[in-house]
């Protein structure tokens, strides 16, 4: 396996792990171990939220490097698990180049869940947390109705690559608006239970956890960037709901 092939494997694997939500330490450690197992020397891997960089030295002493900007961000634990397994397999079995690339292509080709499955998950989370926070049957029914209305909008904004801050302002504002209108005109519910339960779909729990793990591992730049992203999401949620509730309170 030549040096350019090694670099391509590192770039493909590292980028795929990063865009699917792996922690900084996991990406850097996995790629360094793979390159070392495949015979590379003087390996350097540097990852931040929006960029993946790797360099290594060829047998002739030439430094080879590649930088990839990561504009796609999601959380896909299934793909991360398969990529982790592939990394361990490469290190233990010394796979050839074509086999590794074929495995990466197979992992990346896996489709995300269809719309109806995502809608079902969104609804279950909303109803479940509304119940967990003390909501009754009316609150659960309201959370169900609101989820069915709100999620198609969120899905559409994701397809259009809408900024996460704007998306959360719109989604949280619509949730608050629908909850208040539902309680005022259809059946009275405990507004806070419905809003909080539905909001749990938007809470950046994975981002907060990842940021803490990065900071504890010493990756302060990535940790602070991810923490900032989580705070921006939370700010968008607060602004959206706050603007709607304040406006309706003033009008009513």
Foldseek 3Di string as FASTA:
>chain_A
DFPVLLQVLLVLLLLQLLQQQHFQVVSQVLSVLLCVLLPWAPWDWGDANFKTKIWTAGPVRDIDIDMDTRPHHHHDVVLNVQSVVLSVCCNVPVDDSVVSVVSSVVSVPDDDDDPVVVLVVLLCQLLVQLVVVPWDPVLNVLLNVLSVVLVVVLVVCVVVVPDLLQSLLVSLLSQLQSLVVCCVPPNNTDSVSNSVSSCVVQQPPSLQVSLVVCVVVPVPNRSVVSVVVNVSSVVSNCNNNVVNVVVVVVVD
